[in-house]
Protein backbone atom coordinates (compact mmCIF):
# COMPACT_ATOMS: atom_id res chain seq x y z
CA UNK A 1 -10.94 0.72 -1.53
CA UNK A 2 -11.82 0.48 1.65
CA UNK A 3 -12.20 4.00 2.35
CA UNK A 4 -14.56 6.71 1.48
CA UNK A 5 -12.19 8.75 -0.90
CA UNK A 6 -14.46 11.63 -0.96
CA UNK A 7 -14.80 12.34 2.78
CA UNK A 8 -10.81 13.14 2.66
CA UNK A 9 -10.56 15.09 -0.74
CA UNK A 10 -10.80 18.64 0.62
CA UNK A 11 -8.84 17.66 3.77
CA UNK A 12 -6.36 15.81 2.05
CA UNK A 13 -5.68 18.49 -0.34
CA UNK A 14 -4.58 21.05 2.19
CA UNK A 15 -2.71 18.52 4.00
CA UNK A 16 -0.53 17.52 0.85
CA UNK A 17 0.47 21.27 0.21
CA UNK A 18 1.69 21.43 3.97
CA UNK A 19 3.63 18.53 4.61
CA UNK A 20 5.10 18.86 1.35
CA UNK A 21 6.15 22.70 1.92
CA UNK A 22 6.40 22.38 5.66
CA UNK A 23 9.45 19.66 6.03
CA UNK A 24 12.83 21.08 5.97
CA UNK A 25 14.21 20.56 2.48
CA UNK A 26 11.71 18.76 1.28
CA UNK A 27 12.43 17.99 -1.81
CA UNK A 28 16.33 17.08 -0.53
CA UNK A 29 14.76 14.90 1.83
CA UNK A 30 12.25 12.91 -0.41
CA UNK A 31 15.10 12.10 -2.40
CA UNK A 32 13.11 12.23 -6.32
CA UNK A 33 16.18 12.82 -7.86
CA UNK A 34 19.12 15.06 -6.79
CA UNK A 35 18.30 14.50 -2.82
CA UNK A 36 19.39 10.94 -2.98
CA UNK A 37 22.13 10.57 -5.48
CA UNK A 38 22.68 6.80 -4.60
CA UNK A 39 19.33 5.55 -5.70
CA UNK A 40 17.95 8.39 -8.06
CA UNK A 41 18.25 7.51 -11.48
CA UNK A 42 17.22 8.55 -15.14
CA UNK A 43 13.84 7.41 -16.78
CA UNK A 44 15.52 3.79 -16.19
CA UNK A 45 14.80 3.13 -20.01
CA UNK A 46 16.93 0.35 -21.86
CA UNK A 47 15.70 -1.53 -25.24
CA UNK A 48 14.72 -4.86 -25.24
CA UNK A 49 15.25 -7.10 -28.04
CA UNK A 50 13.34 -10.50 -28.55
CA UNK A 51 14.17 -11.39 -25.33
CA UNK A 52 14.56 -10.33 -22.91
CA UNK A 53 16.53 2.00 18.29
CA UNK A 54 15.85 1.86 20.78
CA UNK A 55 13.55 3.32 23.29
CA UNK A 56 15.84 6.49 24.64
CA UNK A 57 19.12 8.53 24.83
CA UNK A 58 20.72 5.94 27.38
CA UNK A 59 20.01 3.00 24.86
CA UNK A 60 20.53 4.54 21.59
CA UNK A 61 22.98 2.35 19.71
CA UNK A 62 25.89 3.51 18.06
CA UNK A 63 24.80 3.56 15.18
CA UNK A 64 21.70 5.80 16.09
CA UNK A 65 24.15 8.79 17.00
CA UNK A 66 24.81 11.42 15.13
CA UNK A 67 28.37 11.94 13.31
CA UNK A 68 28.90 14.93 16.03
CA UNK A 69 28.39 12.98 19.04
CA UNK A 70 24.97 14.07 20.04
CA UNK A 71 22.54 11.86 21.54
CA UNK A 72 19.76 12.24 18.94
CA UNK A 73 18.87 9.65 16.37
CA UNK A 74 20.17 9.66 13.17
CA UNK A 75 17.70 9.90 9.89
CA UNK A 76 15.86 6.88 9.02
CA UNK A 77 16.57 6.16 5.67
CA UNK A 78 14.40 4.26 3.66
CA UNK A 79 14.40 3.59 -0.11
CA UNK A 80 13.32 1.46 -3.02
CA UNK A 81 10.14 0.62 -5.31
CA UNK A 82 9.06 3.55 -7.37
CA UNK A 83 5.36 1.55 -6.52
CA UNK A 84 5.81 2.25 -2.77
CA UNK A 85 7.42 5.27 -3.00
CA UNK A 86 4.01 7.47 -2.71
CA UNK A 87 3.01 5.59 0.39
CA UNK A 88 6.58 6.28 1.77
CA UNK A 89 7.15 9.88 0.24
CA UNK A 90 3.97 10.81 1.70
CA UNK A 91 4.35 9.58 5.30
CA UNK A 92 7.87 11.01 5.15
CA UNK A 93 6.08 14.57 4.21
CA UNK A 94 3.91 14.73 7.09
CA UNK A 95 6.96 13.37 9.65
CA UNK A 96 9.30 15.73 8.73
CA UNK A 97 6.84 18.57 8.83
CA UNK A 98 5.21 17.55 12.45
CA UNK A 99 2.22 20.06 12.34
CA UNK A 100 1.27 20.71 16.15
CA UNK A 101 -1.84 18.88 17.49
CA UNK A 102 -3.63 22.23 17.47
CA UNK A 103 -3.80 21.69 13.86
CA UNK A 104 -6.45 19.16 13.69
CA UNK A 105 -6.88 19.45 10.03
CA UNK A 106 -3.57 18.27 9.27
CA UNK A 107 -3.20 15.90 12.57
CA UNK A 108 -6.57 14.95 13.04
CA UNK A 109 -5.71 12.82 16.15
CA UNK A 110 -9.04 13.06 17.83
CA UNK A 111 -10.71 11.20 14.56
CA UNK A 112 -8.64 8.32 15.27
CA UNK A 113 -9.42 8.24 19.29
CA UNK A 114 -5.83 9.14 19.85
CA UNK A 115 -5.70 12.06 22.79
CA UNK A 116 -2.84 13.88 22.88
CA UNK A 117 -1.46 17.33 22.97
CA UNK A 118 2.11 16.88 20.68
CA UNK A 119 3.16 17.23 17.31
CA UNK A 120 2.35 14.72 14.55
CA UNK A 121 5.73 12.93 14.51
CA UNK A 122 6.38 13.43 18.40
CA UNK A 123 3.23 11.65 18.88
CA UNK A 124 4.42 8.16 16.60
CA UNK A 125 8.00 8.86 17.91
CA UNK A 126 7.36 9.05 21.76
CA UNK A 127 5.22 5.44 21.67
CA UNK A 128 8.69 4.29 21.54
CA UNK A 129 10.61 6.35 23.94
CA UNK A 130 11.67 8.97 21.62
CA UNK A 131 12.00 12.95 22.96
CA UNK A 132 9.36 15.11 21.36
CA UNK A 133 11.30 17.53 18.85
CA UNK A 134 8.75 20.48 19.23
CA UNK A 135 9.54 23.60 17.09
CA UNK A 136 13.18 22.03 16.03
CA UNK A 137 11.22 19.63 13.98
CA UNK A 138 10.79 15.90 14.29
CA UNK A 139 12.88 13.56 16.56
CA UNK A 140 14.76 12.20 13.66
CA UNK A 141 14.43 12.92 10.03
CA UNK A 142 12.58 10.42 7.81
CA UNK A 143 13.82 10.08 4.19
CA UNK A 144 12.66 8.23 1.14
CA UNK A 145 15.02 7.39 -1.92
CA UNK A 146 13.72 6.23 -4.60
CA UNK A 147 14.75 3.48 -6.81
CA UNK A 148 13.32 0.03 -7.63
CA UNK A 149 12.73 -2.82 -5.50
CA UNK A 150 15.50 -5.11 -6.31
CA UNK A 151 17.67 -1.91 -5.08
CA UNK A 152 15.91 -1.71 -2.23
CA UNK A 153 15.73 -5.20 -0.43
CA UNK A 154 19.83 -5.00 -1.47
CA UNK A 155 20.32 -1.47 0.60
CA UNK A 156 18.29 -2.92 3.76
CA UNK A 157 20.66 -6.29 3.90
CA UNK A 158 23.69 -4.58 3.37
CA UNK A 159 22.54 -1.59 6.20
CA UNK A 160 22.51 0.76 3.50
CA UNK A 161 19.02 1.62 4.10
CA UNK A 162 16.70 0.99 7.37
CA UNK A 163 13.48 0.00 5.32
CA UNK A 164 13.85 -1.38 2.19
CA UNK A 165 10.62 -0.96 -0.01
CA UNK A 166 9.71 -3.61 -2.42
CA UNK A 167 6.27 -4.16 -4.40
CA UNK A 168 7.34 -8.06 -4.95
CA UNK A 169 8.37 -10.48 -2.33
CA UNK A 170 12.26 -10.41 -1.47
CA UNK A 171 12.14 -14.27 -2.37
CA UNK A 172 11.49 -13.33 -6.00
CA UNK A 173 13.71 -10.14 -5.83
CA UNK A 174 16.65 -12.15 -4.32
CA UNK A 175 15.73 -15.75 -5.43
CA UNK A 176 19.25 -17.21 -4.80
CA UNK A 177 19.65 -16.97 -1.17
CA UNK A 178 19.99 -19.71 1.12
CA UNK A 179 17.54 -18.20 3.79
CA UNK A 180 15.24 -14.88 4.27
CA UNK A 181 14.82 -15.49 7.96
CA UNK A 182 16.88 -12.22 8.28
CA UNK A 183 14.15 -9.79 6.53
CA UNK A 184 11.15 -8.76 8.41
CA UNK A 185 8.75 -8.50 5.98
CA UNK A 186 6.18 -5.00 6.56
CA UNK A 187 2.89 -5.09 4.37
CA UNK A 188 1.78 -1.74 4.18
CA UNK A 189 -0.84 -1.87 0.94
CA UNK A 190 -1.75 -3.54 -1.43
CA UNK A 191 -1.89 -2.59 -5.51
CA UNK A 192 -4.02 -4.18 -7.97
CA UNK A 193 -1.87 -4.07 -11.10
CA UNK A 194 -3.96 -2.78 -13.83
CA UNK A 195 -3.69 -3.41 -17.51
CA UNK A 196 -3.46 -0.19 -19.53
CA UNK A 197 -3.27 1.32 -23.06
CA UNK A 198 -2.17 4.18 -25.03
CA UNK A 199 -6.24 6.05 -25.10
CA UNK A 200 -6.02 6.09 -29.11
CA UNK A 201 -6.61 2.11 -28.94
CA UNK A 202 -9.19 2.53 -25.88
CA UNK A 203 -10.76 5.25 -27.83
CA UNK A 204 -10.97 2.72 -30.75
CA UNK A 205 -12.88 0.04 -28.87
CA UNK A 206 -10.72 -2.10 -26.80
CA UNK A 207 -12.16 -2.34 -23.67
CA UNK A 208 -10.42 -5.93 -22.58
CA UNK A 209 -8.25 -8.91 -23.20
CA UNK A 210 -7.90 -12.41 -21.94
CA UNK A 211 -5.24 -13.84 -19.83
CA UNK A 212 -3.81 -16.11 -22.77
CA UNK A 213 -3.67 -12.96 -24.93
CA UNK A 214 -2.18 -11.17 -22.24
CA UNK A 215 0.70 -14.34 -21.99
CA UNK A 216 0.73 -14.03 -26.02
CA UNK A 217 1.32 -10.37 -25.90
CA UNK A 218 4.27 -10.46 -23.38
CA UNK A 219 6.08 -13.81 -25.36
CA UNK A 220 5.86 -11.54 -28.71
CA UNK A 221 3.32 -13.93 -30.38
CA UNK A 222 0.97 -11.06 -30.97
CA UNK A 223 2.09 -8.00 -32.48
CA UNK A 224 -0.74 -6.00 -34.60
CA UNK A 225 -3.76 -4.89 -32.48
CA UNK A 226 -5.87 -6.39 -35.13
CA UNK A 227 -5.05 -9.76 -33.83
CA UNK A 228 -6.51 -8.71 -30.83
CA UNK A 229 -9.84 -7.40 -32.19
CA UNK A 230 -10.50 -6.85 -35.81
CA UNK A 231 -12.26 -3.85 -35.42
CA UNK A 232 -8.42 -1.93 -33.73
CA UNK A 233 -6.22 -0.25 -36.14
CA UNK A 234 -3.94 -1.92 -38.25
CA UNK A 235 -1.36 -0.86 -36.02
CA UNK A 236 2.22 -2.67 -34.44
CA UNK A 237 1.33 -3.25 -30.78
CA UNK A 238 4.26 -1.65 -28.73
CA UNK A 239 4.50 -3.91 -25.40
CA UNK A 240 6.40 -2.35 -22.64
CA UNK A 241 7.65 -3.05 -18.93
CA UNK A 242 9.50 -2.66 -15.92
CA UNK A 243 13.21 -3.24 -15.91
CA UNK A 244 14.31 -6.46 -14.47
CA UNK A 245 14.61 -5.98 -10.96
CA UNK A 246 11.61 -3.94 -10.70
CA UNK A 247 8.88 -5.43 -7.93
CA UNK A 248 6.62 -4.17 -10.58
CA UNK A 249 8.07 -6.60 -13.01
CA UNK A 250 8.43 -9.59 -11.05
CA UNK A 251 5.26 -9.49 -9.59
CA UNK A 252 3.86 -9.35 -13.33
CA UNK A 253 5.73 -12.06 -14.38
CA UNK A 254 5.12 -14.31 -11.63
CA UNK A 255 1.27 -13.79 -10.93
CA UNK A 256 1.18 -14.18 -15.34
CA UNK A 257 3.44 -16.82 -15.91
CA UNK A 258 4.20 -18.79 -12.29
CA UNK A 259 7.93 -17.50 -12.41
CA UNK A 260 9.45 -14.56 -11.09
CA UNK A 261 12.66 -14.95 -13.61
CA UNK A 262 10.36 -15.36 -16.75
CA UNK A 263 11.89 -14.07 -19.87
CA UNK A 264 9.25 -11.63 -21.63
CA UNK A 265 9.58 -9.86 -25.19
CA UNK A 266 8.87 -5.88 -24.95
CA UNK A 267 9.81 -3.04 -27.07
CA UNK A 268 11.14 -1.20 -23.93
CA UNK A 269 11.77 -1.62 -20.08
CA UNK A 270 11.23 1.72 -17.58
CA UNK A 271 13.24 1.84 -14.56
CA UNK A 272 10.16 3.92 -13.05
CA UNK A 273 6.16 4.04 -12.93
CA UNK A 274 6.63 7.50 -13.38
CA UNK A 275 8.53 6.89 -16.55
CA UNK A 276 6.67 4.24 -18.03
CA UNK A 277 3.14 5.88 -17.52
CA UNK A 278 4.54 8.41 -19.29
CA UNK A 279 5.64 6.54 -22.18
CA UNK A 280 1.92 4.89 -22.59
CA UNK A 281 0.29 8.17 -22.50
CA UNK A 282 2.89 9.74 -25.46
CA UNK A 283 2.32 6.36 -27.85
CA UNK A 284 -0.57 5.50 -29.55
CA UNK A 285 -0.18 2.15 -29.58
CA UNK A 286 1.26 0.71 -26.26
CA UNK A 287 0.07 -1.75 -23.61
CA UNK A 288 1.40 -2.25 -20.53
CA UNK A 289 1.23 -3.59 -16.70
CA UNK A 290 1.08 -0.90 -14.17
CA UNK A 291 0.49 0.37 -10.39
CA UNK A 292 -2.33 1.50 -9.29
CA UNK A 293 -1.08 4.74 -7.92
CA UNK A 294 -0.12 6.19 -11.55
CA UNK A 295 -3.48 5.60 -13.76
CA UNK A 296 -4.34 9.52 -13.54
CA UNK A 297 -1.83 10.01 -15.97
CA UNK A 298 -3.39 11.77 -18.82
CA UNK A 299 -3.39 9.53 -22.16
CA UNK A 300 -3.23 5.82 -20.14
CA UNK A 301 -6.82 4.05 -19.69
CA UNK A 302 -7.17 0.66 -18.13
CA UNK A 303 -8.87 -2.30 -20.09
CA UNK A 304 -10.12 -5.32 -18.08
CA UNK A 305 -8.45 -8.66 -17.87
CA UNK A 306 -10.50 -11.88 -18.47
CA UNK A 307 -8.66 -14.56 -16.35
CA UNK A 308 -9.93 -17.96 -15.85
CA UNK A 309 -13.36 -17.09 -16.81
CA UNK A 310 -13.48 -13.99 -14.57
CA UNK A 311 -13.20 -10.75 -15.98
CA UNK A 312 -11.89 -8.19 -13.59
CA UNK A 313 -11.82 -4.61 -14.64
CA UNK A 314 -11.06 -1.43 -12.82
CA UNK A 315 -13.79 0.25 -10.46
CA UNK A 316 -15.76 -2.89 -11.02
CA UNK A 317 -17.47 -3.67 -7.12
CA UNK A 318 -17.80 -6.72 -7.79
CA UNK A 319 -14.84 -8.02 -9.90
CA UNK A 320 -12.61 -4.88 -9.12
CA UNK A 321 -8.51 -5.13 -8.78
CA UNK A 322 -9.24 -4.87 -4.98
CA UNK A 323 -10.31 -8.35 -5.31
CA UNK A 324 -8.43 -11.17 -3.24
CA UNK A 325 -8.87 -13.46 -6.57
CA UNK A 326 -7.38 -10.53 -9.19
CA UNK A 327 -4.79 -12.54 -10.74
CA UNK A 328 -2.67 -8.89 -10.38
CA UNK A 329 -2.98 -8.17 -7.04
CA UNK A 330 0.45 -7.91 -5.05
CA UNK A 331 1.47 -7.13 -1.44
CA UNK A 332 3.49 -3.83 -0.77
CA UNK A 333 6.40 -4.20 1.41
CA UNK A 334 8.42 -2.34 3.87
CA UNK A 335 11.36 -4.87 4.72
CA UNK A 336 13.91 -4.30 7.62
CA UNK A 337 16.61 -6.51 8.58
CA UNK A 338 17.67 -8.51 11.44
CA UNK A 339 14.60 -7.44 13.75
CA UNK A 340 12.94 -3.81 13.68
CA UNK A 341 14.16 -1.42 15.55
CA UNK A 342 12.07 1.32 17.33
CA UNK A 343 13.14 4.01 15.30
CA UNK A 344 11.82 1.77 12.60
CA UNK A 345 8.74 0.81 14.21
CA UNK A 346 7.69 4.42 15.17
CA UNK A 347 6.97 5.20 11.48
CA UNK A 348 6.09 1.84 9.93
CA UNK A 349 3.56 1.82 12.88
CA UNK A 350 2.32 5.08 11.76
CA UNK A 351 1.79 4.04 8.60
CA UNK A 352 -0.29 0.80 9.70
CA UNK A 353 -2.37 2.86 11.80
CA UNK A 354 -5.99 3.64 10.22
CA UNK A 355 -4.27 7.26 10.34
CA UNK A 356 -1.58 6.46 7.82
CA UNK A 357 -3.97 4.18 5.73
CA UNK A 358 -5.97 7.07 5.34
CA UNK A 359 -3.62 9.49 4.54
CA UNK A 360 -0.73 7.43 3.01
CA UNK A 361 -2.39 4.46 1.24
CA UNK A 362 -5.84 5.44 0.25
CA UNK A 363 -4.78 8.92 -1.40
CA UNK A 364 -2.19 7.45 -3.21
CA UNK A 365 -4.83 4.99 -4.86
CA UNK A 366 -3.89 1.89 -3.12
CA UNK A 367 -5.86 -0.45 -1.47
CA UNK A 368 -6.23 -0.47 2.48
CA UNK A 369 -5.03 -2.84 4.66
CA UNK A 370 -8.31 -4.46 6.52
CA UNK A 371 -8.31 -4.60 10.07
CA UNK A 372 -7.35 -8.68 10.63
CA UNK A 373 -4.39 -7.71 8.27
CA UNK A 374 -3.33 -4.57 10.25
CA UNK A 375 -3.14 -6.28 13.34
CA UNK A 376 -1.04 -9.23 12.11
CA UNK A 377 1.73 -6.37 10.47
CA UNK A 378 1.64 -4.47 13.81
CA UNK A 379 1.96 -7.91 15.83
CA UNK A 380 5.40 -8.09 14.00
CA UNK A 381 6.89 -4.69 15.83
CA UNK A 382 8.38 -3.94 18.97
CA UNK A 383 6.45 -3.19 22.21
CA UNK A 384 6.14 0.57 23.02
CA UNK A 385 6.85 1.82 26.03
């Protein structure tokens, strides 16, 4: 990654606790399950056969006023991809907790060249003209729902979300549109999808596969582990994947087969990365692609991928999953619709800043944006006041 995780580990653990417990109704705000019924879903699995704002209250728009008629903006709503979810959910916990500037362990503004006496969310929102919430909480709440990428981009397009989270390009998620000009793409991090297997298979000696074997596996042309390596167990291969409409799946099939709508043959599909990781761990014969943030699941082991003569492996300094040439690398997106409001920009700017990259992206095991990409993304935001 582009930052030293050890340097932040002790500090992050306490901050994570404070952020999680300090936000009002944090579980409901996060929208993991019961708090966001419109997006919440079960394991999302299904069998698959052989185929598959405005700067201040005087300029506040009607949509940003509360139902009671006050000038306080309504909550900023974000939702979609389970891959992008860890980043934005962590950001929402910090935002909603709105810890004071005096808590420099949690809100280390000085470490990032920020001189302020404002609480965390008050500072970032203040850059776009919002009045401080102070002890009453942040200037506006930031909620994050969980579903998948296709839902995220559809809901931002339909006005149901302010920000649509997606781990796939909107062009791949909504392939039949004539124009994508109204979508604004904010890249907040990078995911290098690893190929993973059940730990029993890794323990039996499998440490990598080739690109052709990967293609054959997802086309149903290989069904037994001994077809990969004769020293492996004589055992059926359980090929798993994500549901259609998932940005993780869209990116995978697009990168592997060159077509985001390619049909694949899998034993089961899962709606969320969490459920997929659990299924791999609970099996003794599974293989799948996965988002980096879920590699810490017990019973899941990443393996190397040899692609066009180069072998890429998790943790490899030279040819790791953060390599620009790694075939399964993909950007993580936060889409807005018809421009980006100042309310949306306040949160996105926080995530794009070194502060957000270090605290929201890197601890979730994704790759942070380099300076050039950070500046490119910040240039898409409206001017600060």
